[in-house]
Amino acid sequence: MPTITAQGQTIECAVGANLRQVLLDHGVDLYNGQAKLINCHGIGTCGTCAVAIAGEVSPVNWRDRTRRSLPPHDPNRPLRLACQTQVLGDIQVSKYDGFWGQGESSNW
């Protein structure tokens, strides 16, 4: 089983598990500020679940690529939308500041 390291936790999950759902199920603070209340609930349109990921995950899909190509995101930054990402192996996840997680300072 793959492991996810995020916000000081190590979480096991099934291969192919949705990263957003696993993080939320384990109490990881995925959203910044009011994004906890105002987000698309996993359909890939808001961009507030953007995270940096090191490790093996699914390829970027069109929803992820499209949303991160629009401001305030920068398509050249190595972020992913957790809601559009499946865990394929052990990963480490980092969350940045800013409403959409697009900032430069790491929250965790």
N, C-alpha and C. Protein backbone atom coordinates (compact mmCIF):
# COMPACT_ATOMS: atom_id res chain seq x y z
N MET A 1 0.84 -1.19 0.00
CA MET A 1 0.00 0.00 0.00
C MET A 1 0.88 1.25 0.00
N PRO A 2 0.55 2.22 -0.84
CA PRO A 2 1.31 3.47 -0.84
C PRO A 2 1.10 4.25 0.46
N THR A 3 2.08 5.07 0.77
CA THR A 3 1.94 5.97 1.92
C THR A 3 2.00 7.41 1.43
N ILE A 4 1.22 8.25 2.10
CA ILE A 4 1.19 9.68 1.84
C ILE A 4 1.73 10.36 3.09
N THR A 5 2.72 11.21 2.91
CA THR A 5 3.23 12.02 4.02
C THR A 5 2.76 13.44 3.79
N ALA A 6 1.95 13.95 4.72
CA ALA A 6 1.38 15.29 4.59
C ALA A 6 1.05 15.86 5.96
N GLN A 7 1.36 17.10 6.16
CA GLN A 7 1.05 17.83 7.40
C GLN A 7 1.47 17.03 8.64
N GLY A 8 2.65 16.42 8.57
CA GLY A 8 3.19 15.70 9.71
C GLY A 8 2.60 14.32 9.92
N GLN A 9 1.76 13.86 9.03
CA GLN A 9 1.14 12.54 9.14
C GLN A 9 1.66 11.61 8.06
N THR A 10 1.64 10.33 8.34
CA THR A 10 1.89 9.31 7.33
C THR A 10 0.64 8.47 7.25
N ILE A 11 0.07 8.42 6.04
CA ILE A 11 -1.23 7.79 5.81
C ILE A 11 -1.07 6.71 4.76
N GLU A 12 -1.62 5.54 5.02
CA GLU A 12 -1.63 4.48 4.01
C GLU A 12 -2.93 4.57 3.22
N CYS A 13 -2.84 4.23 1.94
CA CYS A 13 -4.04 4.23 1.10
C CYS A 13 -3.91 3.17 0.02
N ALA A 14 -4.99 2.91 -0.67
CA ALA A 14 -4.99 1.96 -1.77
C ALA A 14 -4.33 2.59 -3.00
N VAL A 15 -3.74 1.77 -3.84
CA VAL A 15 -3.21 2.24 -5.11
C VAL A 15 -4.39 2.79 -5.92
N GLY A 16 -4.25 3.99 -6.46
CA GLY A 16 -5.30 4.61 -7.25
C GLY A 16 -6.26 5.46 -6.45
N ALA A 17 -6.04 5.56 -5.13
CA ALA A 17 -6.92 6.37 -4.30
C ALA A 17 -6.83 7.84 -4.70
N ASN A 18 -7.95 8.56 -4.56
CA ASN A 18 -8.00 9.98 -4.85
C ASN A 18 -7.31 10.74 -3.71
N LEU A 19 -6.29 11.53 -4.05
CA LEU A 19 -5.49 12.21 -3.03
C LEU A 19 -6.34 13.14 -2.16
N ARG A 20 -7.21 13.94 -2.76
CA ARG A 20 -8.05 14.86 -1.99
C ARG A 20 -8.86 14.10 -0.94
N GLN A 21 -9.51 13.04 -1.37
CA GLN A 21 -10.38 12.31 -0.46
C GLN A 21 -9.60 11.68 0.69
N VAL A 22 -8.45 11.10 0.39
CA VAL A 22 -7.64 10.48 1.44
C VAL A 22 -7.19 11.54 2.45
N LEU A 23 -6.72 12.69 1.97
CA LEU A 23 -6.27 13.74 2.89
C LEU A 23 -7.41 14.23 3.77
N LEU A 24 -8.57 14.50 3.18
CA LEU A 24 -9.71 14.98 3.96
C LEU A 24 -10.18 13.92 4.95
N ASP A 25 -10.21 12.66 4.53
CA ASP A 25 -10.64 11.57 5.42
C ASP A 25 -9.75 11.44 6.65
N HIS A 26 -8.49 11.91 6.54
CA HIS A 26 -7.55 11.80 7.65
C HIS A 26 -7.30 13.13 8.35
N GLY A 27 -8.16 14.10 8.13
CA GLY A 27 -8.10 15.36 8.85
C GLY A 27 -6.99 16.30 8.43
N VAL A 28 -6.42 16.08 7.26
CA VAL A 28 -5.38 16.98 6.77
C VAL A 28 -6.04 18.28 6.32
N ASP A 29 -5.47 19.40 6.73
CA ASP A 29 -6.01 20.73 6.45
C ASP A 29 -5.65 21.14 5.02
N LEU A 30 -6.38 20.62 4.04
CA LEU A 30 -6.06 20.78 2.63
C LEU A 30 -6.35 22.19 2.10
N TYR A 31 -7.34 22.84 2.65
CA TYR A 31 -7.77 24.15 2.13
C TYR A 31 -7.29 25.29 3.02
N ASN A 32 -6.93 26.40 2.39
CA ASN A 32 -6.48 27.59 3.11
C ASN A 32 -7.65 28.54 3.35
N GLY A 33 -7.78 29.04 4.56
CA GLY A 33 -8.77 30.06 4.87
C GLY A 33 -10.18 29.68 4.47
N GLN A 34 -10.87 30.63 3.81
CA GLN A 34 -12.26 30.44 3.43
C GLN A 34 -12.45 29.40 2.32
N ALA A 35 -11.35 28.94 1.72
CA ALA A 35 -11.47 27.88 0.70
C ALA A 35 -12.04 26.61 1.32
N LYS A 36 -11.98 26.50 2.65
CA LYS A 36 -12.60 25.35 3.33
C LYS A 36 -14.11 25.34 3.09
N LEU A 37 -14.69 26.53 2.93
CA LEU A 37 -16.12 26.66 2.73
C LEU A 37 -16.48 26.82 1.26
N ILE A 38 -15.60 27.47 0.52
CA ILE A 38 -15.89 27.80 -0.88
C ILE A 38 -14.91 27.03 -1.76
N ASN A 39 -15.28 25.83 -2.14
CA ASN A 39 -14.47 25.03 -3.07
C ASN A 39 -15.40 24.19 -3.92
N CYS A 40 -14.88 23.59 -4.96
CA CYS A 40 -15.72 22.85 -5.92
C CYS A 40 -16.02 21.42 -5.48
N HIS A 41 -15.56 21.02 -4.31
CA HIS A 41 -15.82 19.68 -3.75
C HIS A 41 -15.31 18.55 -4.63
N GLY A 42 -14.19 18.82 -5.33
CA GLY A 42 -13.52 17.73 -6.03
C GLY A 42 -13.77 17.59 -7.52
N ILE A 43 -14.43 18.56 -8.15
CA ILE A 43 -14.67 18.41 -9.58
C ILE A 43 -13.59 19.07 -10.44
N GLY A 44 -12.63 19.74 -9.81
CA GLY A 44 -11.48 20.25 -10.53
C GLY A 44 -11.63 21.62 -11.15
N THR A 45 -12.61 22.39 -10.69
CA THR A 45 -12.83 23.70 -11.29
C THR A 45 -12.33 24.89 -10.48
N CYS A 46 -12.11 24.73 -9.19
CA CYS A 46 -11.75 25.90 -8.39
C CYS A 46 -10.24 26.08 -8.23
N GLY A 47 -9.50 25.01 -8.10
CA GLY A 47 -8.05 25.10 -7.95
C GLY A 47 -7.57 25.30 -6.54
N THR A 48 -8.45 25.26 -5.54
CA THR A 48 -8.04 25.53 -4.16
C THR A 48 -7.33 24.36 -3.49
N CYS A 49 -7.36 23.19 -4.09
CA CYS A 49 -6.69 22.02 -3.50
C CYS A 49 -5.30 21.80 -4.10
N ALA A 50 -4.73 22.84 -4.71
CA ALA A 50 -3.41 22.72 -5.32
C ALA A 50 -2.35 22.39 -4.28
N VAL A 51 -1.52 21.41 -4.57
CA VAL A 51 -0.44 20.98 -3.68
C VAL A 51 0.79 20.63 -4.51
N ALA A 52 1.93 20.61 -3.85
CA ALA A 52 3.15 20.10 -4.47
C ALA A 52 3.29 18.64 -4.06
N ILE A 53 3.67 17.80 -5.01
CA ILE A 53 3.76 16.37 -4.75
C ILE A 53 5.11 15.84 -5.23
N ALA A 54 5.75 15.06 -4.37
CA ALA A 54 6.96 14.34 -4.75
C ALA A 54 6.62 12.85 -4.65
N GLY A 55 6.78 12.12 -5.73
CA GLY A 55 6.48 10.70 -5.73
C GLY A 55 5.59 10.33 -6.89
N GLU A 56 5.13 9.10 -6.87
CA GLU A 56 4.41 8.54 -8.02
C GLU A 56 2.90 8.75 -7.92
N VAL A 57 2.39 9.56 -8.85
CA VAL A 57 0.96 9.82 -8.96
C VAL A 57 0.53 9.69 -10.42
N SER A 58 -0.77 9.76 -10.64
CA SER A 58 -1.32 9.66 -12.00
C SER A 58 -0.85 10.84 -12.86
N PRO A 59 -0.86 10.65 -14.18
CA PRO A 59 -0.52 11.76 -15.07
C PRO A 59 -1.52 12.90 -14.92
N VAL A 60 -1.09 14.09 -15.27
CA VAL A 60 -1.95 15.27 -15.22
C VAL A 60 -3.09 15.10 -16.23
N ASN A 61 -4.32 15.29 -15.80
CA ASN A 61 -5.45 15.22 -16.73
C ASN A 61 -5.82 16.62 -17.22
N TRP A 62 -6.76 16.70 -18.14
CA TRP A 62 -7.11 17.99 -18.75
C TRP A 62 -7.72 18.97 -17.76
N ARG A 63 -8.49 18.49 -16.78
CA ARG A 63 -9.07 19.41 -15.79
C ARG A 63 -7.98 20.07 -14.97
N ASP A 64 -7.05 19.26 -14.49
CA ASP A 64 -5.93 19.77 -13.70
C ASP A 64 -5.12 20.77 -14.52
N ARG A 65 -4.73 20.39 -15.70
CA ARG A 65 -3.91 21.24 -16.56
C ARG A 65 -4.63 22.56 -16.90
N THR A 66 -5.92 22.46 -17.23
CA THR A 66 -6.69 23.65 -17.61
C THR A 66 -6.83 24.61 -16.44
N ARG A 67 -7.23 24.11 -15.27
CA ARG A 67 -7.43 25.02 -14.12
C ARG A 67 -6.13 25.67 -13.70
N ARG A 68 -5.05 24.92 -13.69
CA ARG A 68 -3.77 25.50 -13.27
C ARG A 68 -3.14 26.39 -14.34
N SER A 69 -3.73 26.45 -15.52
CA SER A 69 -3.23 27.36 -16.55
C SER A 69 -3.86 28.75 -16.41
N LEU A 70 -4.83 28.89 -15.50
CA LEU A 70 -5.53 30.16 -15.30
C LEU A 70 -5.07 30.84 -14.01
N PRO A 71 -5.06 32.18 -14.00
CA PRO A 71 -4.69 32.90 -12.78
C PRO A 71 -5.62 32.53 -11.63
N PRO A 72 -5.12 32.54 -10.42
CA PRO A 72 -3.80 33.00 -10.00
C PRO A 72 -2.74 31.92 -10.11
N HIS A 73 -3.08 30.75 -10.63
CA HIS A 73 -2.07 29.71 -10.77
C HIS A 73 -1.12 30.03 -11.92
N ASP A 74 0.03 29.42 -11.87
CA ASP A 74 1.05 29.56 -12.91
C ASP A 74 1.32 28.16 -13.44
N PRO A 75 1.04 27.92 -14.72
CA PRO A 75 1.20 26.56 -15.25
C PRO A 75 2.64 26.05 -15.21
N ASN A 76 3.59 26.93 -14.96
CA ASN A 76 5.00 26.51 -14.89
C ASN A 76 5.40 26.03 -13.50
N ARG A 77 4.55 26.25 -12.50
CA ARG A 77 4.84 25.74 -11.16
C ARG A 77 4.46 24.27 -11.08
N PRO A 78 5.24 23.49 -10.36
CA PRO A 78 4.98 22.04 -10.27
C PRO A 78 3.92 21.69 -9.21
N LEU A 79 2.72 22.23 -9.37
CA LEU A 79 1.62 21.93 -8.46
C LEU A 79 0.65 20.98 -9.15
N ARG A 80 -0.17 20.34 -8.35
CA ARG A 80 -1.23 19.47 -8.85
C ARG A 80 -2.50 19.75 -8.06
N LEU A 81 -3.65 19.48 -8.66
CA LEU A 81 -4.91 19.54 -7.93
C LEU A 81 -5.10 18.18 -7.26
N ALA A 82 -5.21 18.20 -5.93
CA ALA A 82 -5.36 16.94 -5.19
C ALA A 82 -6.61 16.18 -5.64
N CYS A 83 -7.66 16.91 -6.03
CA CYS A 83 -8.90 16.26 -6.42
C CYS A 83 -8.80 15.52 -7.75
N GLN A 84 -7.79 15.82 -8.53
CA GLN A 84 -7.63 15.20 -9.84
C GLN A 84 -6.43 14.27 -9.89
N THR A 85 -5.92 13.90 -8.70
CA THR A 85 -4.69 13.11 -8.61
C THR A 85 -4.94 11.79 -7.91
N GLN A 86 -4.49 10.71 -8.53
CA GLN A 86 -4.57 9.38 -7.92
C GLN A 86 -3.17 9.00 -7.43
N VAL A 87 -3.13 8.41 -6.25
CA VAL A 87 -1.88 7.99 -5.62
C VAL A 87 -1.48 6.63 -6.19
N LEU A 88 -0.27 6.55 -6.75
CA LEU A 88 0.21 5.29 -7.33
C LEU A 88 1.37 4.67 -6.56
N GLY A 89 2.03 5.48 -5.74
CA GLY A 89 3.15 5.01 -4.94
C GLY A 89 3.33 5.93 -3.75
N ASP A 90 4.41 5.76 -3.01
CA ASP A 90 4.67 6.61 -1.85
C ASP A 90 4.89 8.05 -2.31
N ILE A 91 4.24 9.00 -1.62
CA ILE A 91 4.36 10.41 -1.99
C ILE A 91 4.52 11.29 -0.76
N GLN A 92 5.07 12.48 -1.01
CA GLN A 92 5.13 13.54 0.00
C GLN A 92 4.38 14.72 -0.57
N VAL A 93 3.51 15.31 0.24
CA VAL A 93 2.65 16.39 -0.20
C VAL A 93 2.95 17.64 0.62
N SER A 94 3.04 18.79 -0.06
CA SER A 94 3.25 20.08 0.59
C SER A 94 2.16 21.04 0.14
N LYS A 95 1.71 21.89 1.06
CA LYS A 95 0.68 22.89 0.76
C LYS A 95 1.28 24.27 0.95
N TYR A 96 1.01 25.17 0.00
CA TYR A 96 1.52 26.53 0.06
C TYR A 96 0.42 27.50 0.48
N ASP A 97 0.82 28.70 0.84
CA ASP A 97 -0.11 29.72 1.28
C ASP A 97 -0.87 30.29 0.08
N GLY A 98 -1.75 31.25 0.36
CA GLY A 98 -2.60 31.83 -0.67
C GLY A 98 -3.92 31.09 -0.72
N PHE A 99 -4.98 31.78 -1.10
CA PHE A 99 -6.32 31.19 -1.13
C PHE A 99 -6.33 29.89 -1.93
N TRP A 100 -5.68 29.88 -3.08
CA TRP A 100 -5.66 28.71 -3.96
C TRP A 100 -4.45 27.81 -3.73
N GLY A 101 -3.66 28.09 -2.71
CA GLY A 101 -2.45 27.31 -2.48
C GLY A 101 -1.36 27.63 -3.47
N GLN A 102 -1.46 28.79 -4.10
CA GLN A 102 -0.54 29.19 -5.16
C GLN A 102 0.63 30.03 -4.65
N GLY A 103 0.68 30.29 -3.34
CA GLY A 103 1.72 31.15 -2.77
C GLY A 103 3.11 30.53 -2.83
N GLU A 104 4.05 31.27 -2.26
CA GLU A 104 5.44 30.84 -2.26
C GLU A 104 5.91 30.26 -0.93
N SER A 105 5.16 30.51 0.14
CA SER A 105 5.53 30.02 1.48
C SER A 105 4.79 28.74 1.80
N SER A 106 5.52 27.76 2.32
CA SER A 106 4.92 26.48 2.65
C SER A 106 4.09 26.57 3.93
N ASN A 107 2.86 26.09 3.88
CA ASN A 107 2.03 25.97 5.09
C ASN A 107 2.37 24.70 5.85
N TRP A 108 2.65 23.63 5.10
CA TRP A 108 3.06 22.34 5.67
C TRP A 108 3.69 21.50 4.59
